[in-house]
Amino acid sequence: MMSDKNDTEDREDPSAQALAAGGTAEKAYKVGYGRPPLNRQFKPGCSGNPKGRAKGSRNLKTVVLQAASRPIRVRKNGKVQTTTTLEAMVENAALRAAQGDPKALTTFVGLLARSGALNEADHTSATSLPETDDAIIEDYMRRHGHGTNDAEND
Protein backbone atom coordinates (compact mmCIF):
# COMPACT_ATOMS: atom_id res chain seq x y z
CA MET A 1 0.00 0.00 0.00
CA MET A 2 1.30 3.43 -0.92
CA SER A 3 1.55 6.20 1.61
CA ASP A 4 -0.48 9.38 1.38
CA LYS A 5 2.67 11.30 0.50
CA ASN A 6 3.26 9.25 -2.67
CA ASP A 7 -0.42 9.47 -3.59
CA THR A 8 -0.42 13.27 -3.45
CA GLU A 9 2.82 13.45 -5.39
CA ASP A 10 1.26 11.43 -8.24
CA ARG A 11 -1.63 13.90 -8.46
CA GLU A 12 0.62 16.95 -8.74
CA ASP A 13 1.40 18.60 -12.05
CA PRO A 14 4.10 16.52 -13.78
CA SER A 15 5.92 19.62 -14.95
CA ALA A 16 6.12 20.86 -11.35
CA GLN A 17 7.55 17.49 -10.26
CA ALA A 18 10.22 17.59 -12.95
CA LEU A 19 11.21 21.16 -12.16
CA ALA A 20 11.44 20.32 -8.43
CA ALA A 21 13.76 17.41 -9.27
CA GLY A 22 16.03 19.77 -11.19
CA GLY A 23 15.12 18.52 -14.67
CA THR A 24 12.89 19.83 -17.40
CA ALA A 25 9.15 19.29 -17.53
CA GLU A 26 9.33 17.35 -20.80
CA LYS A 27 11.77 14.70 -19.50
CA ALA A 28 9.72 13.65 -16.44
CA TYR A 29 6.33 13.61 -18.20
CA LYS A 30 5.38 10.28 -19.76
CA VAL A 31 3.39 10.53 -22.97
CA GLY A 32 0.73 7.87 -23.54
CA TYR A 33 -2.99 7.18 -23.81
CA GLY A 34 -4.88 10.16 -22.40
CA ARG A 35 -1.57 12.00 -21.79
CA PRO A 36 -0.69 14.06 -24.89
CA PRO A 37 2.68 15.83 -25.15
CA LEU A 38 2.83 19.02 -23.09
CA ASN A 39 3.35 21.23 -26.15
CA ARG A 40 0.15 19.78 -27.76
CA GLN A 41 -2.18 20.21 -24.75
CA PHE A 42 -4.81 22.95 -24.71
CA LYS A 43 -3.72 25.94 -22.70
CA PRO A 44 -5.84 26.80 -19.64
CA GLY A 45 -8.82 28.93 -20.62
CA CYS A 46 -8.57 28.04 -24.31
CA SER A 47 -11.15 25.87 -26.03
CA GLY A 48 -10.44 22.97 -28.35
CA ASN A 49 -13.01 24.45 -30.71
CA PRO A 50 -12.29 28.18 -30.62
CA LYS A 51 -14.60 29.21 -33.44
CA GLY A 52 -17.51 27.09 -32.21
CA ARG A 53 -20.65 26.41 -34.21
CA ALA A 54 -21.02 28.65 -37.22
CA LYS A 55 -23.71 31.30 -36.96
CA GLY A 56 -26.83 30.51 -38.92
CA SER A 57 -26.19 26.78 -39.11
CA ARG A 58 -29.32 24.73 -38.41
CA ASN A 59 -29.75 21.36 -36.81
CA LEU A 60 -31.82 18.49 -38.23
CA LYS A 61 -34.89 19.27 -36.13
CA THR A 62 -35.02 22.84 -37.43
CA VAL A 63 -34.66 21.73 -41.04
CA VAL A 64 -37.36 19.04 -40.71
CA LEU A 65 -39.83 21.37 -38.98
CA GLN A 66 -39.24 24.01 -41.62
CA ALA A 67 -39.87 21.52 -44.42
CA ALA A 68 -43.01 20.17 -42.71
CA SER A 69 -44.51 23.62 -42.27
CA ARG A 70 -43.76 24.77 -45.83
CA PRO A 71 -46.95 25.55 -47.77
CA ILE A 72 -47.70 23.50 -50.87
CA ARG A 73 -50.53 23.44 -53.38
CA VAL A 74 -52.64 20.26 -53.46
CA ARG A 75 -55.55 19.30 -55.70
CA LYS A 76 -58.60 18.07 -53.71
CA ASN A 77 -61.84 17.18 -55.47
CA GLY A 78 -60.72 19.05 -58.56
CA LYS A 79 -59.86 22.23 -56.65
CA VAL A 80 -56.38 23.49 -55.86
CA GLN A 81 -55.86 24.23 -52.16
CA THR A 82 -52.87 25.45 -50.19
CA THR A 83 -51.87 23.33 -47.20
CA THR A 84 -48.71 22.46 -45.28
CA THR A 85 -46.48 19.60 -46.30
CA LEU A 86 -47.18 17.81 -43.02
CA GLU A 87 -50.96 18.01 -43.49
CA ALA A 88 -50.68 16.69 -47.04
CA MET A 89 -48.48 13.79 -45.89
CA VAL A 90 -50.86 12.81 -43.09
CA GLU A 91 -53.88 12.97 -45.39
CA ASN A 92 -52.07 10.86 -47.98
CA ALA A 93 -51.15 8.24 -45.36
CA ALA A 94 -54.75 8.18 -44.09
CA LEU A 95 -56.17 7.68 -47.60
CA ARG A 96 -53.70 4.94 -48.47
CA ALA A 97 -54.35 3.22 -45.12
CA ALA A 98 -58.10 3.32 -45.79
CA GLN A 99 -57.47 1.72 -49.21
CA GLY A 100 -55.73 -1.21 -47.50
CA ASP A 101 -52.03 -0.41 -47.89
CA PRO A 102 -50.39 -2.23 -44.93
CA LYS A 103 -47.35 0.07 -44.75
CA ALA A 104 -49.52 3.17 -44.80
CA LEU A 105 -51.77 1.61 -42.15
CA THR A 106 -48.79 0.96 -39.87
CA THR A 107 -47.51 4.48 -40.43
CA PHE A 108 -50.88 6.09 -39.78
CA VAL A 109 -51.59 4.07 -36.62
CA GLY A 110 -48.10 5.01 -35.38
CA LEU A 111 -48.88 8.67 -36.03
CA LEU A 112 -52.16 8.35 -34.14
CA ALA A 113 -50.41 6.71 -31.19
CA ARG A 114 -47.62 9.30 -31.01
CA SER A 115 -50.04 12.19 -31.31
CA GLY A 116 -52.10 10.90 -28.38
CA ALA A 117 -55.20 10.32 -30.49
CA LEU A 118 -55.41 6.72 -29.26
CA ASN A 119 -55.79 7.39 -25.55
CA GLU A 120 -57.53 4.81 -23.36
CA ALA A 121 -60.42 7.17 -22.64
CA ASP A 122 -61.06 7.72 -26.34
CA HIS A 123 -61.48 4.10 -27.41
CA THR A 124 -62.88 2.38 -24.31
CA SER A 125 -66.42 2.83 -25.59
CA ALA A 126 -65.39 1.38 -28.96
CA THR A 127 -64.10 -1.84 -27.34
CA SER A 128 -67.17 -2.45 -25.18
CA LEU A 129 -69.58 -4.85 -26.85
CA PRO A 130 -73.37 -4.84 -26.90
CA GLU A 131 -75.08 -7.33 -24.57
CA THR A 132 -76.06 -9.61 -27.46
CA ASP A 133 -72.42 -9.91 -28.55
CA ASP A 134 -71.35 -10.64 -24.98
CA ALA A 135 -73.92 -13.44 -24.81
CA ILE A 136 -72.67 -14.94 -28.10
CA ILE A 137 -69.06 -14.85 -26.92
CA GLU A 138 -69.95 -16.46 -23.56
CA ASP A 139 -71.87 -19.22 -25.35
CA TYR A 140 -68.90 -19.87 -27.68
CA MET A 141 -66.45 -19.96 -24.78
CA ARG A 142 -68.71 -22.35 -22.83
CA ARG A 143 -69.06 -24.75 -25.79
CA HIS A 144 -65.30 -24.83 -26.46
CA GLY A 145 -64.19 -25.53 -22.91
CA HIS A 146 -63.25 -21.99 -21.92
CA GLY A 147 -66.34 -21.43 -19.84
CA THR A 148 -66.76 -18.63 -17.38
CA ASN A 149 -67.50 -19.18 -13.70
CA ASP A 150 -71.26 -19.09 -14.41
CA ALA A 151 -70.97 -21.74 -17.13
CA GLU A 152 -68.93 -24.08 -14.90
CA ASN A 153 -71.65 -24.07 -12.27
CA ASP A 154 -74.25 -25.54 -14.73
C-alpha atoms as a PDB file:
ATOM      1  CA  MET A   1       0.000   0.000   0.000  1.00  0.00           C
ATOM      2  CA  MET A   2       1.298   3.427  -0.920  1.00  0.00           C
ATOM      3  CA  SER A   3       1.553   6.202   1.606  1.00  0.00           C
ATOM      4  CA  ASP A   4      -0.481   9.377   1.383  1.00  0.00           C
ATOM      5  CA  LYS A   5       2.673  11.304   0.503  1.00  0.00           C
ATOM      6  CA  ASN A   6       3.262   9.249  -2.674  1.00  0.00           C
ATOM      7  CA  ASP A   7      -0.423   9.469  -3.590  1.00  0.00           C
ATOM      8  CA  THR A   8      -0.422  13.265  -3.446  1.00  0.00           C
ATOM      9  CA  GLU A   9       2.816  13.454  -5.394  1.00  0.00           C
ATOM     10  CA  ASP A  10       1.256  11.434  -8.239  1.00  0.00           C
ATOM     11  CA  ARG A  11      -1.630  13.900  -8.458  1.00  0.00           C
ATOM     12  CA  GLU A  12       0.621  16.954  -8.737  1.00  0.00           C
ATOM     13  CA  ASP A  13       1.396  18.595 -12.050  1.00  0.00           C
ATOM     14  CA  PRO A  14       4.101  16.521 -13.783  1.00  0.00           C
ATOM     15  CA  SER A  15       5.922  19.620 -14.951  1.00  0.00           C
ATOM     16  CA  ALA A  16       6.116  20.857 -11.348  1.00  0.00           C
ATOM     17  CA  GLN A  17       7.547  17.488 -10.258  1.00  0.00           C
ATOM     18  CA  ALA A  18      10.216  17.594 -12.946  1.00  0.00           C
ATOM     19  CA  LEU A  19      11.211  21.159 -12.158  1.00  0.00           C
ATOM     20  CA  ALA A  20      11.443  20.323  -8.434  1.00  0.00           C
ATOM     21  CA  ALA A  21      13.762  17.414  -9.270  1.00  0.00           C
ATOM     22  CA  GLY A  22      16.035  19.772 -11.192  1.00  0.00           C
ATOM     23  CA  GLY A  23      15.123  18.523 -14.669  1.00  0.00           C
ATOM     24  CA  THR A  24      12.888  19.832 -17.396  1.00  0.00           C
ATOM     25  CA  ALA A  25       9.146  19.286 -17.526  1.00  0.00           C
ATOM     26  CA  GLU A  26       9.334  17.350 -20.801  1.00  0.00           C
ATOM     27  CA  LYS A  27      11.767  14.697 -19.500  1.00  0.00           C
ATOM     28  CA  ALA A  28       9.719  13.651 -16.438  1.00  0.00           C
ATOM     29  CA  TYR A  29       6.332  13.610 -18.197  1.00  0.00           C
ATOM     30  CA  LYS A  30       5.376  10.280 -19.756  1.00  0.00           C
ATOM     31  CA  VAL A  31       3.394  10.528 -22.972  1.00  0.00           C
ATOM     32  CA  GLY A  32       0.729   7.873 -23.541  1.00  0.00           C
ATOM     33  CA  TYR A  33      -2.986   7.183 -23.812  1.00  0.00           C
ATOM     34  CA  GLY A  34      -4.877  10.163 -22.398  1.00  0.00           C
ATOM     35  CA  ARG A  35      -1.571  11.999 -21.794  1.00  0.00           C
ATOM     36  CA  PRO A  36      -0.685  14.061 -24.891  1.00  0.00           C
ATOM     37  CA  PRO A  37       2.676  15.831 -25.149  1.00  0.00           C
ATOM     38  CA  LEU A  38       2.831  19.022 -23.094  1.00  0.00           C
ATOM     39  CA  ASN A  39       3.348  21.231 -26.150  1.00  0.00           C
ATOM     40  CA  ARG A  40       0.147  19.783 -27.756  1.00  0.00           C
ATOM     41  CA  GLN A  41      -2.179  20.208 -24.745  1.00  0.00           C
ATOM     42  CA  PHE A  42      -4.808  22.945 -24.709  1.00  0.00           C
ATOM     43  CA  LYS A  43      -3.724  25.937 -22.702  1.00  0.00           C
ATOM     44  CA  PRO A  44      -5.836  26.798 -19.642  1.00  0.00           C
ATOM     45  CA  GLY A  45      -8.819  28.927 -20.623  1.00  0.00           C
ATOM     46  CA  CYS A  46      -8.575  28.039 -24.308  1.00  0.00           C
ATOM     47  CA  SER A  47     -11.149  25.865 -26.026  1.00  0.00           C
ATOM     48  CA  GLY A  48     -10.442  22.968 -28.346  1.00  0.00           C
ATOM     49  CA  ASN A  49     -13.009  24.447 -30.709  1.00  0.00           C
ATOM     50  CA  PRO A  50     -12.286  28.185 -30.616  1.00  0.00           C
ATOM     51  CA  LYS A  51     -14.601  29.208 -33.443  1.00  0.00           C
ATOM     52  CA  GLY A  52     -17.512  27.086 -32.209  1.00  0.00           C
ATOM     53  CA  ARG A  53     -20.652  26.407 -34.210  1.00  0.00           C
ATOM     54  CA  ALA A  54     -21.022  28.652 -37.224  1.00  0.00           C
ATOM     55  CA  LYS A  55     -23.713  31.305 -36.963  1.00  0.00           C
ATOM     56  CA  GLY A  56     -26.831  30.515 -38.924  1.00  0.00           C
ATOM     57  CA  SER A  57     -26.195  26.779 -39.114  1.00  0.00           C
ATOM     58  CA  ARG A  58     -29.323  24.734 -38.409  1.00  0.00           C
ATOM     59  CA  ASN A  59     -29.748  21.358 -36.813  1.00  0.00           C
ATOM     60  CA  LEU A  60     -31.819  18.491 -38.228  1.00  0.00           C
ATOM     61  CA  LYS A  61     -34.891  19.267 -36.127  1.00  0.00           C
ATOM     62  CA  THR A  62     -35.020  22.840 -37.426  1.00  0.00           C
ATOM     63  CA  VAL A  63     -34.665  21.729 -41.042  1.00  0.00           C
ATOM     64  CA  VAL A  64     -37.364  19.042 -40.707  1.00  0.00           C
ATOM     65  CA  LEU A  65     -39.828  21.371 -38.977  1.00  0.00           C
ATOM     66  CA  GLN A  66     -39.240  24.013 -41.618  1.00  0.00           C
ATOM     67  CA  ALA A  67     -39.873  21.519 -44.425  1.00  0.00           C
ATOM     68  CA  ALA A  68     -43.009  20.167 -42.715  1.00  0.00           C
ATOM     69  CA  SER A  69     -44.507  23.622 -42.271  1.00  0.00           C
ATOM     70  CA  ARG A  70     -43.758  24.775 -45.828  1.00  0.00           C
ATOM     71  CA  PRO A  71     -46.953  25.545 -47.771  1.00  0.00           C
ATOM     72  CA  ILE A  72     -47.695  23.496 -50.874  1.00  0.00           C
ATOM     73  CA  ARG A  73     -50.531  23.439 -53.383  1.00  0.00           C
ATOM     74  CA  VAL A  74     -52.637  20.261 -53.463  1.00  0.00           C
ATOM     75  CA  ARG A  75     -55.552  19.297 -55.703  1.00  0.00           C
ATOM     76  CA  LYS A  76     -58.596  18.066 -53.705  1.00  0.00           C
ATOM     77  CA  ASN A  77     -61.845  17.177 -55.465  1.00  0.00           C
ATOM     78  CA  GLY A  78     -60.719  19.048 -58.558  1.00  0.00           C
ATOM     79  CA  LYS A  79     -59.857  22.230 -56.647  1.00  0.00           C
ATOM     80  CA  VAL A  80     -56.378  23.493 -55.859  1.00  0.00           C
ATOM     81  CA  GLN A  81     -55.864  24.232 -52.157  1.00  0.00           C
ATOM     82  CA  THR A  82     -52.868  25.447 -50.189  1.00  0.00           C
ATOM     83  CA  THR A  83     -51.873  23.327 -47.197  1.00  0.00           C
ATOM     84  CA  THR A  84     -48.709  22.464 -45.276  1.00  0.00           C
ATOM     85  CA  THR A  85     -46.479  19.595 -46.297  1.00  0.00           C
ATOM     86  CA  LEU A  86     -47.181  17.810 -43.024  1.00  0.00           C
ATOM     87  CA  GLU A  87     -50.964  18.007 -43.486  1.00  0.00           C
ATOM     88  CA  ALA A  88     -50.679  16.687 -47.041  1.00  0.00           C
ATOM     89  CA  MET A  89     -48.483  13.792 -45.895  1.00  0.00           C
ATOM     90  CA  VAL A  90     -50.856  12.811 -43.093  1.00  0.00           C
ATOM     91  CA  GLU A  91     -53.878  12.967 -45.392  1.00  0.00           C
ATOM     92  CA  ASN A  92     -52.068  10.856 -47.985  1.00  0.00           C
ATOM     93  CA  ALA A  93     -51.145   8.245 -45.355  1.00  0.00           C
ATOM     94  CA  ALA A  94     -54.747   8.177 -44.095  1.00  0.00           C
ATOM     95  CA  LEU A  95     -56.170   7.683 -47.601  1.00  0.00           C
ATOM     96  CA  ARG A  96     -53.696   4.937 -48.465  1.00  0.00           C
ATOM     97  CA  ALA A  97     -54.355   3.220 -45.118  1.00  0.00           C
ATOM     98  CA  ALA A  98     -58.100   3.321 -45.790  1.00  0.00           C
ATOM     99  CA  GLN A  99     -57.474   1.716 -49.208  1.00  0.00           C
ATOM    100  CA  GLY A 100     -55.732  -1.214 -47.499  1.00  0.00           C
ATOM    101  CA  ASP A 101     -52.027  -0.411 -47.892  1.00  0.00           C
ATOM    102  CA  PRO A 102     -50.394  -2.227 -44.926  1.00  0.00           C
ATOM    103  CA  LYS A 103     -47.350   0.072 -44.750  1.00  0.00           C
ATOM    104  CA  ALA A 104     -49.521   3.175 -44.796  1.00  0.00           C
ATOM    105  CA  LEU A 105     -51.774   1.612 -42.152  1.00  0.00           C
ATOM    106  CA  THR A 106     -48.788   0.961 -39.873  1.00  0.00           C
ATOM    107  CA  THR A 107     -47.507   4.478 -40.434  1.00  0.00           C
ATOM    108  CA  PHE A 108     -50.882   6.088 -39.785  1.00  0.00           C
ATOM    109  CA  VAL A 109     -51.590   4.071 -36.619  1.00  0.00           C
ATOM    110  CA  GLY A 110     -48.098   5.014 -35.379  1.00  0.00           C
ATOM    111  CA  LEU A 111     -48.884   8.672 -36.029  1.00  0.00           C
ATOM    112  CA  LEU A 112     -52.156   8.349 -34.138  1.00  0.00           C
ATOM    113  CA  ALA A 113     -50.411   6.715 -31.185  1.00  0.00           C
ATOM    114  CA  ARG A 114     -47.623   9.303 -31.015  1.00  0.00           C
ATOM    115  CA  SER A 115     -50.041  12.193 -31.312  1.00  0.00           C
ATOM    116  CA  GLY A 116     -52.097  10.898 -28.380  1.00  0.00           C
ATOM    117  CA  ALA A 117     -55.198  10.315 -30.492  1.00  0.00           C
ATOM    118  CA  LEU A 118     -55.415   6.716 -29.262  1.00  0.00           C
ATOM    119  CA  ASN A 119     -55.790   7.388 -25.551  1.00  0.00           C
ATOM    120  CA  GLU A 120     -57.528   4.807 -23.359  1.00  0.00           C
ATOM    121  CA  ALA A 121     -60.419   7.171 -22.637  1.00  0.00           C
ATOM    122  CA  ASP A 122     -61.056   7.724 -26.338  1.00  0.00           C
ATOM    123  CA  HIS A 123     -61.477   4.102 -27.408  1.00  0.00           C
ATOM    124  CA  THR A 124     -62.882   2.380 -24.307  1.00  0.00           C
ATOM    125  CA  SER A 125     -66.415   2.831 -25.591  1.00  0.00           C
ATOM    126  CA  ALA A 126     -65.394   1.383 -28.964  1.00  0.00           C
ATOM    127  CA  THR A 127     -64.102  -1.838 -27.341  1.00  0.00           C
ATOM    128  CA  SER A 128     -67.173  -2.446 -25.183  1.00  0.00           C
ATOM    129  CA  LEU A 129     -69.583  -4.853 -26.852  1.00  0.00           C
ATOM    130  CA  PRO A 130     -73.369  -4.839 -26.898  1.00  0.00           C
ATOM    131  CA  GLU A 131     -75.085  -7.327 -24.572  1.00  0.00           C
ATOM    132  CA  THR A 132     -76.057  -9.612 -27.460  1.00  0.00           C
ATOM    133  CA  ASP A 133     -72.420  -9.908 -28.554  1.00  0.00           C
ATOM    134  CA  ASP A 134     -71.349 -10.641 -24.976  1.00  0.00           C
ATOM    135  CA  ALA A 135     -73.916 -13.442 -24.810  1.00  0.00           C
ATOM    136  CA  ILE A 136     -72.669 -14.938 -28.097  1.00  0.00           C
ATOM    137  CA  ILE A 137     -69.056 -14.849 -26.921  1.00  0.00           C
ATOM    138  CA  GLU A 138     -69.946 -16.461 -23.564  1.00  0.00           C
ATOM    139  CA  ASP A 139     -71.868 -19.224 -25.353  1.00  0.00           C
ATOM    140  CA  TYR A 140     -68.897 -19.875 -27.680  1.00  0.00           C
ATOM    141  CA  MET A 141     -66.446 -19.957 -24.784  1.00  0.00           C
ATOM    142  CA  ARG A 142     -68.706 -22.353 -22.826  1.00  0.00           C
ATOM    143  CA  ARG A 143     -69.057 -24.751 -25.790  1.00  0.00           C
ATOM    144  CA  HIS A 144     -65.300 -24.827 -26.455  1.00  0.00           C
ATOM    145  CA  GLY A 145     -64.189 -25.525 -22.908  1.00  0.00           C
ATOM    146  CA  HIS A 146     -63.251 -21.987 -21.920  1.00  0.00           C
ATOM    147  CA  GLY A 147     -66.340 -21.430 -19.839  1.00  0.00           C
ATOM    148  CA  THR A 148     -66.763 -18.631 -17.381  1.00  0.00           C
ATOM    149  CA  ASN A 149     -67.502 -19.176 -13.704  1.00  0.00           C
ATOM    150  CA  ASP A 150     -71.255 -19.087 -14.413  1.00  0.00           C
ATOM    151  CA  ALA A 151     -70.966 -21.740 -17.128  1.00  0.00           C
ATOM    152  CA  GLU A 152     -68.927 -24.077 -14.902  1.00  0.00           C
ATOM    153  CA  ASN A 153     -71.655 -24.069 -12.265  1.00  0.00           C
ATOM    154  CA  ASP A 154     -74.251 -25.541 -14.732  1.00  0.00           C
END
